[in-house]
């Protein structure tokens, strides 16, 4: 018997001649169709990943070649890992890929093992790596002895299994109904924190699920505002770390919601304009809010004649702005304050403020002295009584000083006082002069008559 290796693809004719003892030489002629087949082999396995920790991606490179007589198209390459030995069973397959290699060529391929496992503690994280170029009836290989390869072991370090440490650092353990409760926890873990969730159960057993927000210095915070029911609220905080095992821990707490005892807030109130003409509108406005809601806002106004009224204010916006507008006919100072009541019956009263009704907006108190003049000399533009005061003690009131163009803070000189007296009594002076002249004239006339 003789072996022959075909080196080319095609139809070959085989002729067999045999000679017997009688010298007869019969021939057997056979046509054989020869197909070229690749010969794929695993040349080398390279572990690209170093210092592997459980749960990470492990990169493994395989160097393959084709020494056959045909190109290899779309062959499957399988990655195996085992801690004892590679048995090439499907249970050991960790990844697969497809490869095509022309004849007489080589190629590098990368396969990934994820997640990497520590495995049996007795094996200390040791794993054997295997590569198999898989063949079947549609993907043939001329020699199967080099289709598989193994490498020296790789080692996987175990992932940490410690649970996160949770410490509640701030808690509003008692809060009024409708107001937010703040919960702050410090949460740490050597692998980092993946998520922090909190579950809150109110007195009616309704559950609220929230994510806590990370702040600086490992602090996580939640402002819980679903506090419309009085009673005890239980909560649990669960933290999950970033390790492969996603270790978690849970801590528990409680807070209590009590009756509302805080009156509404009044952030602003005032009157516009603060000086208004008789018969024109003055708008009194304020901003009042409350966690449980504002029931009513009123304004109490005391008129210059001493009588008082209390009026409801109109809510204009959801931001809590309230307004009361009215005209006024009595001249003088009006004093007002705001009374705000919430839905729980708590009330807040503001301090008093004032506005003025006048016939001249430049003279708020209507004392005859303009506001600018009173401010210039340090008087109160909202006090009408200072018009009759004598600030410098020279005998002339402030209103007289204004009307005469004098400085109300400086006494008049002797000459100024004489001039002022003359100017003040000029009519009497003229009459006196006339009478004096008349008397002299009559005297002269009487003397002339005697002589004659």
Protein backbone atom coordinates (compact mmCIF):
# COMPACT_ATOMS: atom_id res chain seq x y z
CA UNK A 1 0.00 0.00 0.00
CA UNK A 2 1.21 3.46 -0.83
CA UNK A 3 0.07 6.83 0.60
CA UNK A 4 -0.23 9.96 -1.47
CA UNK A 5 -0.97 13.51 -0.45
CA UNK A 6 -2.83 15.68 -2.91
CA UNK A 7 -1.41 19.18 -3.07
CA UNK A 8 -3.92 20.80 -5.37
CA UNK A 9 -7.68 21.08 -5.45
CA UNK A 10 -9.54 19.50 -8.39
CA UNK A 11 -10.52 16.19 -10.06
CA UNK A 12 -7.75 13.61 -10.03
CA UNK A 13 -7.64 10.33 -11.97
CA UNK A 14 -6.18 7.36 -10.12
CA UNK A 15 -4.96 4.38 -12.12
CA UNK A 16 -4.02 1.15 -10.31
CA UNK A 17 -2.16 -1.57 -12.23
CA UNK A 18 -1.60 -5.01 -10.81
CA UNK A 19 0.44 -7.91 -12.39
CA UNK A 20 -0.33 -11.50 -11.51
CA UNK A 21 1.90 -14.59 -11.86
CA UNK A 22 0.74 -15.18 -15.41
CA UNK A 23 1.89 -11.72 -16.38
CA UNK A 24 -1.60 -10.32 -16.79
CA UNK A 25 -1.77 -6.62 -15.85
CA UNK A 26 -5.36 -5.46 -15.16
CA UNK A 27 -5.95 -1.74 -14.51
CA UNK A 28 -8.40 0.00 -12.19
CA UNK A 29 -9.10 3.63 -13.07
CA UNK A 30 -10.87 5.92 -10.52
CA UNK A 31 -11.63 9.66 -10.67
CA UNK A 32 -11.28 11.44 -7.32
CA UNK A 33 -12.51 14.98 -6.56
CA UNK A 34 -10.08 16.69 -4.20
CA UNK A 35 -11.22 19.73 -2.14
CA UNK A 36 -8.75 22.06 -0.42
CA UNK A 37 -9.24 22.33 3.39
CA UNK A 38 -7.72 24.87 5.81
CA UNK A 39 -5.59 23.82 8.73
CA UNK A 40 -6.24 26.19 11.61
CA UNK A 41 -4.12 26.13 14.73
CA UNK A 42 -3.76 27.89 18.08
CA UNK A 43 -0.26 29.39 18.15
CA UNK A 44 -0.26 31.31 21.43
CA UNK A 45 -2.56 32.62 24.20
CA UNK A 46 -1.74 35.97 25.80
CA UNK A 47 -3.37 37.34 28.98
CA UNK A 48 -3.75 41.08 28.43
CA UNK A 49 -5.33 41.89 31.80
CA UNK A 50 -3.21 42.10 34.94
CA UNK A 51 -4.13 42.51 38.63
CA UNK A 52 -7.61 41.19 37.99
CA UNK A 53 -10.30 41.73 40.62
CA UNK A 54 -13.52 39.79 40.71
CA UNK A 55 -16.22 41.37 38.58
CA UNK A 56 -13.84 43.05 36.12
CA UNK A 57 -13.43 42.49 32.37
CA UNK A 58 -10.57 40.12 31.48
CA UNK A 59 -9.00 40.57 28.02
CA UNK A 60 -7.49 37.43 26.46
CA UNK A 61 -5.67 37.40 23.10
CA UNK A 62 -5.29 34.34 20.91
CA UNK A 63 -2.80 34.12 18.02
CA UNK A 64 -4.11 31.78 15.31
CA UNK A 65 -2.72 30.65 11.94
CA UNK A 66 -3.83 28.78 8.85
CA UNK A 67 -1.26 26.37 7.33
CA UNK A 68 -3.77 24.53 5.17
CA UNK A 69 -4.50 24.70 1.44
CA UNK A 70 -7.61 26.86 1.60
CA UNK A 71 -8.88 30.05 3.22
CA UNK A 72 -10.89 29.66 6.43
CA UNK A 73 -14.16 31.61 6.44
CA UNK A 74 -16.25 32.38 9.54
CA UNK A 75 -14.92 29.73 11.90
CA UNK A 76 -16.04 29.80 15.52
CA UNK A 77 -13.46 30.34 18.24
CA UNK A 78 -14.46 29.46 21.81
CA UNK A 79 -12.99 30.74 25.09
CA UNK A 80 -12.93 28.25 27.98
CA UNK A 81 -12.07 28.80 31.62
CA UNK A 82 -11.92 26.24 34.41
CA UNK A 83 -10.37 25.99 37.84
CA UNK A 84 -9.41 22.30 37.72
CA UNK A 85 -8.81 21.33 34.10
CA UNK A 86 -10.20 22.21 30.70
CA UNK A 87 -12.64 19.47 29.65
CA UNK A 88 -13.94 21.43 26.66
CA UNK A 89 -17.50 21.12 27.87
CA UNK A 90 -20.09 23.75 27.05
CA UNK A 91 -20.37 24.66 30.73
CA UNK A 92 -16.81 25.98 30.57
CA UNK A 93 -17.42 28.26 27.58
CA UNK A 94 -17.20 31.94 28.60
CA UNK A 95 -17.26 33.66 25.22
CA UNK A 96 -17.19 33.00 21.46
CA UNK A 97 -16.29 34.89 18.33
CA UNK A 98 -15.97 34.33 14.57
CA UNK A 99 -12.71 34.42 12.62
CA UNK A 100 -11.62 34.23 8.97
CA UNK A 101 -7.97 33.56 8.05
CA UNK A 102 -6.51 33.27 4.57
CA UNK A 103 -4.21 30.34 3.92
CA UNK A 104 -0.61 30.85 4.99
CA UNK A 105 -1.72 33.78 7.18
CA UNK A 106 -2.05 34.36 10.93
CA UNK A 107 -4.36 36.59 12.97
CA UNK A 108 -4.75 37.93 16.51
CA UNK A 109 -8.19 37.93 18.13
CA UNK A 110 -9.33 39.27 21.50
CA UNK A 111 -11.95 37.65 23.68
CA UNK A 112 -13.40 38.98 26.94
CA UNK A 113 -14.35 37.16 30.09
CA UNK A 114 -16.89 39.14 32.09
CA UNK A 115 -17.51 39.11 34.89
CA UNK A 116 -14.34 37.57 36.22
CA UNK A 117 -15.04 35.29 39.17
CA UNK A 118 -12.98 34.35 42.19
CA UNK A 119 -14.59 30.92 42.25
CA UNK A 120 -13.79 28.13 44.71
CA UNK A 121 -11.96 29.63 47.71
CA UNK A 122 -9.75 26.53 47.81
CA UNK A 123 -8.41 27.42 44.35
CA UNK A 124 -7.35 30.93 45.46
CA UNK A 125 -8.76 32.52 42.32
CA UNK A 126 -6.70 30.39 39.89
CA UNK A 127 -8.19 29.76 36.42
CA UNK A 128 -6.92 27.85 33.36
CA UNK A 129 -7.62 29.43 29.97
CA UNK A 130 -8.43 27.37 26.85
CA UNK A 131 -8.98 28.30 23.19
CA UNK A 132 -10.72 25.95 20.73
CA UNK A 133 -11.16 26.57 17.01
CA UNK A 134 -14.41 24.67 16.55
CA UNK A 135 -14.99 22.54 13.41
CA UNK A 136 -17.99 20.72 11.99
CA UNK A 137 -19.30 19.34 8.69
CA UNK A 138 -19.51 22.78 7.14
CA UNK A 139 -16.28 24.10 8.64
CA UNK A 140 -13.66 21.44 8.07
CA UNK A 141 -10.05 21.31 9.16
CA UNK A 142 -7.35 19.10 7.67
CA UNK A 143 -5.68 18.46 11.03
CA UNK A 144 -7.48 18.65 14.36
CA UNK A 145 -4.46 18.18 16.55
CA UNK A 146 -3.67 21.89 16.77
CA UNK A 147 -7.18 23.33 17.07
CA UNK A 148 -6.98 23.60 20.86
CA UNK A 149 -4.61 25.40 23.19
CA UNK A 150 -4.31 26.23 26.87
CA UNK A 151 -2.35 28.82 28.83
CA UNK A 152 -0.75 29.10 32.24
CA UNK A 153 -3.27 30.03 34.96
CA UNK A 154 -4.55 33.55 35.53
CA UNK A 155 -5.44 34.71 39.04
CA UNK A 156 -8.49 36.67 40.14
CA UNK A 157 -8.51 38.58 43.42
CA UNK A 158 -11.74 38.34 45.42
CA UNK A 159 -14.09 41.33 45.52
CA UNK A 160 -14.73 42.87 48.93
CA UNK A 161 -17.82 41.67 50.76
CA UNK A 162 -18.12 44.35 53.43
CA UNK A 163 -21.46 46.14 53.65
CA UNK A 164 -21.65 49.96 53.58
CA UNK A 165 -21.55 51.80 56.90
CA UNK A 166 -24.62 54.05 57.48
CA UNK A 167 -24.75 56.72 60.19
CA UNK A 168 -27.70 59.11 60.49
CA UNK A 169 -26.13 62.48 61.25
CA UNK A 170 -29.15 64.78 61.10
CA UNK A 171 -32.86 64.09 61.56
CA UNK A 172 -35.82 66.36 62.23
CA UNK A 173 -37.28 63.87 64.69
CA UNK A 174 -40.31 66.10 65.45
CA UNK A 175 -41.89 68.45 62.95
CA UNK A 176 -45.14 70.36 62.55
CA UNK A 177 -47.69 69.11 60.04
CA UNK A 178 -47.06 70.27 56.49
CA UNK A 179 -43.40 71.17 57.05
CA UNK A 180 -40.52 69.19 55.48
CA UNK A 181 -38.45 66.69 57.42
CA UNK A 182 -34.70 66.62 56.69
CA UNK A 183 -32.81 63.34 56.91
CA UNK A 184 -29.02 63.30 56.41
CA UNK A 185 -26.85 60.18 56.60
CA UNK A 186 -23.13 59.64 56.24
CA UNK A 187 -22.55 56.50 54.15
CA UNK A 188 -19.12 55.02 53.37
CA UNK A 189 -17.72 51.91 51.68
CA UNK A 190 -14.26 50.99 50.39
CA UNK A 191 -15.61 50.25 46.88
CA UNK A 192 -17.82 53.35 46.77
CA UNK A 193 -21.59 53.73 46.92
CA UNK A 194 -23.78 52.74 43.97
CA UNK A 195 -27.17 53.88 45.31
CA UNK A 196 -28.95 55.02 48.46
CA UNK A 197 -32.70 54.53 48.75
CA UNK A 198 -35.10 55.39 51.55
CA UNK A 199 -38.54 53.99 52.28
CA UNK A 200 -40.90 56.03 54.48
CA UNK A 201 -44.16 54.67 55.93
CA UNK A 202 -46.69 57.19 57.22
CA UNK A 203 -49.25 56.56 60.01
CA UNK A 204 -51.77 55.32 57.42
CA UNK A 205 -49.23 52.73 56.16
CA UNK A 206 -48.70 54.52 52.86
CA UNK A 207 -45.18 53.86 51.55
CA UNK A 208 -42.99 56.46 49.89
CA UNK A 209 -39.88 55.42 47.96
CA UNK A 210 -37.20 58.02 47.39
CA UNK A 211 -33.56 58.28 46.29
CA UNK A 212 -31.29 60.18 48.64
CA UNK A 213 -29.12 62.84 46.99
CA UNK A 214 -25.37 62.73 47.47
CA UNK A 215 -23.72 65.79 48.94
CA UNK A 216 -20.08 66.41 49.84
CA UNK A 217 -18.12 64.34 52.38
CA UNK A 218 -20.11 61.10 51.87
CA UNK A 219 -23.32 62.80 53.01
CA UNK A 220 -26.70 61.83 51.54
CA UNK A 221 -29.78 63.99 52.08
CA UNK A 222 -33.55 63.84 51.66
CA UNK A 223 -36.12 66.60 52.22
CA UNK A 224 -39.41 64.76 52.78
CA UNK A 225 -42.49 66.97 52.38
CA UNK A 226 -45.42 64.50 52.40
CA UNK A 227 -46.15 65.36 56.03
CA UNK A 228 -49.88 66.12 55.94
CA UNK A 229 -50.81 63.38 58.45
CA UNK A 230 -50.14 63.68 62.18
CA UNK A 231 -48.43 60.74 63.81
CA UNK A 232 -45.34 58.50 63.69
CA UNK A 233 -43.42 57.90 60.45
CA UNK A 234 -41.01 54.94 60.15
CA UNK A 235 -38.22 54.90 57.59
CA UNK A 236 -35.40 52.67 56.41
CA UNK A 237 -32.26 53.68 54.49
CA UNK A 238 -30.67 51.04 52.23
CA UNK A 239 -27.23 51.58 50.68
CA UNK A 240 -25.68 49.38 47.94
CA UNK A 241 -21.94 49.51 47.22
CA UNK A 242 -20.05 49.38 43.92
CA UNK A 243 -18.46 45.98 44.51
CA UNK A 244 -19.11 42.91 42.34
CA UNK A 245 -21.41 41.48 44.98
CA UNK A 246 -23.26 44.82 45.43
CA UNK A 247 -23.17 44.47 49.20
CA UNK A 248 -25.91 46.36 50.97
CA UNK A 249 -26.88 47.44 54.44
CA UNK A 250 -30.00 48.99 55.97
CA UNK A 251 -30.60 51.23 58.96
CA UNK A 252 -33.90 52.33 60.47
CA UNK A 253 -35.34 55.45 62.05
CA UNK A 254 -38.52 57.26 63.07
CA UNK A 255 -39.86 60.82 63.20
CA UNK A 256 -43.13 62.32 64.43
CA UNK A 257 -45.43 64.89 62.83
CA UNK A 258 -47.33 67.08 65.32
CA UNK A 259 -50.04 69.76 65.16
CA UNK A 260 -49.27 73.04 63.41
CA UNK A 261 -48.40 75.75 65.95
CA UNK A 262 -46.58 78.23 63.72
CA UNK A 263 -48.47 81.30 62.43
CA UNK A 264 -48.23 82.33 58.78
CA UNK A 265 -45.17 84.12 57.48
CA UNK A 266 -45.49 87.74 56.32
CA UNK A 267 -42.45 88.49 54.24
CA UNK A 268 -43.47 92.01 53.20
CA UNK A 269 -46.21 94.58 53.74
CA UNK A 270 -46.62 98.25 52.90
CA UNK A 271 -48.78 100.98 51.34
CA UNK A 272 -48.33 102.60 47.96
CA UNK A 273 -48.11 105.44 47.60
CA UNK A 274 -47.26 106.29 51.17
CA UNK A 275 -48.40 109.88 50.49
CA UNK A 276 -51.56 110.26 48.41
CA UNK A 277 -53.95 113.01 47.42
CA UNK A 278 -57.40 113.14 48.90
CA UNK A 279 -59.81 110.95 46.91
CA UNK A 280 -57.10 108.90 45.15
CA UNK A 281 -56.41 105.19 45.70
CA UNK A 282 -53.92 103.78 48.18
CA UNK A 283 -52.98 100.09 47.75
CA UNK A 284 -52.01 98.13 50.83
CA UNK A 285 -50.26 94.87 49.92
CA UNK A 286 -48.45 92.01 51.62
CA UNK A 287 -46.93 88.58 50.92
CA UNK A 288 -48.14 85.91 53.34
CA UNK A 289 -47.48 82.14 53.15
CA UNK A 290 -47.96 79.11 55.36
CA UNK A 291 -47.03 75.42 55.05
CA UNK A 292 -50.62 74.37 55.81
CA UNK A 293 -52.17 77.17 53.76
CA UNK A 294 -53.39 80.69 54.49
CA UNK A 295 -57.05 80.93 55.48
CA UNK A 296 -57.44 84.73 55.43
CA UNK A 297 -55.51 87.99 55.39
CA UNK A 298 -56.99 91.23 56.74
CA UNK A 299 -55.83 94.79 57.19
CA UNK A 300 -56.77 96.95 60.20
CA UNK A 301 -56.76 100.70 59.45
CA UNK A 302 -57.04 103.54 61.98
CA UNK A 303 -58.18 106.85 60.46
CA UNK A 304 -56.88 110.31 61.48
CA UNK A 305 -60.11 110.91 63.44
CA UNK A 306 -59.43 107.79 65.54
CA UNK A 307 -62.04 105.36 64.19
CA UNK A 308 -60.85 101.96 62.87
CA UNK A 309 -61.94 99.46 60.21
CA UNK A 310 -60.79 95.93 59.39
CA UNK A 311 -60.98 94.79 55.75
CA UNK A 312 -60.30 91.50 53.97
CA UNK A 313 -57.44 91.53 51.48
CA UNK A 314 -57.68 89.89 48.06
CA UNK A 315 -55.29 87.07 47.09
CA UNK A 316 -53.84 87.91 43.68
CA UNK A 317 -51.26 85.16 43.09
CA UNK A 318 -50.32 81.65 44.17
CA UNK A 319 -47.15 83.18 45.61
CA UNK A 320 -49.21 84.62 48.46
CA UNK A 321 -49.64 88.28 47.44
CA UNK A 322 -52.66 90.01 49.01
CA UNK A 323 -53.96 93.51 48.19
CA UNK A 324 -56.54 95.98 49.53
CA UNK A 325 -57.12 99.23 47.58
CA UNK A 326 -59.29 102.17 48.70
CA UNK A 327 -59.71 105.95 48.44
CA UNK A 328 -59.66 108.26 51.47
CA UNK A 329 -61.18 111.69 52.09
CA UNK A 330 -59.97 112.58 55.57
CA UNK A 331 -56.66 114.41 55.59
CA UNK A 332 -53.92 113.18 57.89
CA UNK A 333 -52.10 110.07 59.06
CA UNK A 334 -53.56 106.58 58.67
CA UNK A 335 -52.10 103.71 60.72
CA UNK A 336 -52.47 100.11 59.54
CA UNK A 337 -51.29 96.57 60.30
CA UNK A 338 -51.83 93.12 58.74
CA UNK A 339 -53.49 90.07 60.36
CA UNK A 340 -52.87 86.71 58.66
CA UNK A 341 -54.53 83.44 59.78
CA UNK A 342 -53.65 79.91 58.60
CA UNK A 343 -55.94 76.90 58.20
CA UNK A 344 -54.95 75.68 61.66
CA UNK A 345 -56.13 78.88 63.32
CA UNK A 346 -52.68 80.33 64.03
CA UNK A 347 -52.52 84.11 63.57
CA UNK A 348 -49.77 86.63 62.97
CA UNK A 349 -50.06 90.41 63.51
CA UNK A 350 -47.55 92.78 61.99
CA UNK A 351 -46.26 95.97 63.54
CA UNK A 352 -47.94 99.27 62.56
CA UNK A 353 -47.13 101.24 59.45
CA UNK A 354 -48.66 104.46 58.14
CA UNK A 355 -49.65 106.38 55.05
CA UNK A 356 -50.81 109.99 54.61
CA UNK A 357 -53.68 111.65 52.81
CA UNK A 358 -52.99 115.25 51.86
CA UNK A 359 -53.85 118.04 49.44
CA UNK A 360 -50.22 118.33 48.37
CA UNK A 361 -48.08 115.25 47.80
CA UNK A 362 -44.98 117.34 48.53
CA UNK A 363 -46.33 118.11 52.03
CA UNK A 364 -47.31 114.74 53.51
CA UNK A 365 -48.50 115.96 56.92
CA UNK A 366 -50.23 119.05 55.49
CA UNK A 367 -48.56 121.44 57.93
CA UNK A 368 -47.67 124.00 55.25
CA UNK A 369 -43.98 123.14 55.22
CA UNK A 370 -42.80 121.06 52.19
CA UNK A 371 -41.25 117.70 52.97
CA UNK A 372 -37.92 118.66 51.38
CA UNK A 373 -37.68 121.76 53.60
CA UNK A 374 -38.48 119.76 56.75
CA UNK A 375 -35.93 117.09 55.83
CA UNK A 376 -33.33 119.76 55.08
CA UNK A 377 -33.61 121.18 58.61
CA UNK A 378 -34.12 117.87 60.37
CA UNK A 379 -37.87 118.09 61.00
CA UNK A 380 -40.32 115.19 60.59
CA UNK A 381 -42.31 115.37 57.32
CA UNK A 382 -44.88 113.10 59.00
CA UNK A 383 -45.44 115.28 62.09
CA UNK A 384 -47.76 118.25 61.55
CA UNK A 385 -47.18 119.61 65.06
CA UNK A 386 -43.63 120.74 64.33
CA UNK A 387 -44.98 123.63 62.26
CA UNK A 388 -45.89 125.48 65.48
CA UNK A 389 -42.62 124.80 67.21
CA UNK A 390 -39.86 127.42 67.61
CA UNK A 391 -36.71 125.39 67.11
CA UNK A 392 -34.20 128.25 67.57
CA UNK A 393 -36.19 130.08 70.30
CA UNK A 394 -36.26 133.40 68.52
CA UNK A 395 -39.99 133.82 68.97
CA UNK A 396 -40.91 132.74 65.47
CA UNK A 397 -42.49 129.35 64.68
CA UNK A 398 -41.07 127.02 62.08
CA UNK A 399 -43.92 127.76 59.67
CA UNK A 400 -43.23 131.50 60.09
CA UNK A 401 -39.54 130.89 59.46
CA UNK A 402 -40.43 128.97 56.25
CA UNK A 403 -42.84 131.65 55.02
CA UNK A 404 -40.23 134.35 55.63
CA UNK A 405 -37.39 132.38 54.04
CA UNK A 406 -35.41 132.18 57.27
CA UNK A 407 -33.25 129.44 58.74
CA UNK A 408 -35.39 127.86 61.51
CA UNK A 409 -32.30 126.65 63.33
CA UNK A 410 -30.64 130.10 63.62
CA UNK A 411 -31.88 133.03 65.72
CA UNK A 412 -32.52 136.34 63.97
CA UNK A 413 -30.01 139.18 64.48
CA UNK A 414 -31.22 142.49 66.02
CA UNK A 415 -31.32 144.18 62.63
CA UNK A 416 -33.10 141.18 61.07
CA UNK A 417 -35.61 141.20 63.91
CA UNK A 418 -36.30 144.97 63.43
CA UNK A 419 -36.72 144.47 59.68
CA UNK A 420 -38.86 141.44 60.31
CA UNK A 421 -41.01 143.38 62.83
CA UNK A 422 -41.37 146.25 60.43
CA UNK A 423 -42.30 143.96 57.60
CA UNK A 424 -44.69 142.12 59.86
CA UNK A 425 -46.36 145.38 61.05
CA UNK A 426 -46.00 147.55 57.97
CA UNK A 427 -49.69 148.44 57.83
CA UNK A 428 -49.65 149.77 61.38
CA UNK A 429 -46.50 151.74 60.60
CA UNK A 430 -48.03 153.41 57.55
CA UNK A 431 -51.15 154.40 59.49
CA UNK A 432 -49.00 155.83 62.30
CA UNK A 433 -46.96 157.90 59.86
CA UNK A 434 -50.10 159.23 58.23
CA UNK A 435 -51.58 160.15 61.58
CA UNK A 436 -48.31 161.81 62.64
CA UNK A 437 -48.21 163.88 59.46
CA UNK A 438 -51.86 164.79 59.88
CA UNK A 439 -51.30 165.92 63.48
CA UNK A 440 -48.33 168.11 62.46
CA UNK A 441 -50.34 169.61 59.61
CA UNK A 442 -53.23 170.46 61.89
CA UNK A 443 -50.84 172.01 64.42
CA UNK A 444 -49.27 174.24 61.77
CA UNK A 445 -52.70 175.23 60.50
CA UNK A 446 -53.84 176.18 64.04
CA UNK A 447 -50.78 178.41 64.63
CA UNK A 448 -51.35 180.28 61.39
CA UNK A 449 -54.95 181.10 62.34
CA UNK A 450 -53.87 182.59 65.69
CA UNK A 451 -51.39 184.92 64.04
CA UNK A 452 -54.01 186.17 61.75
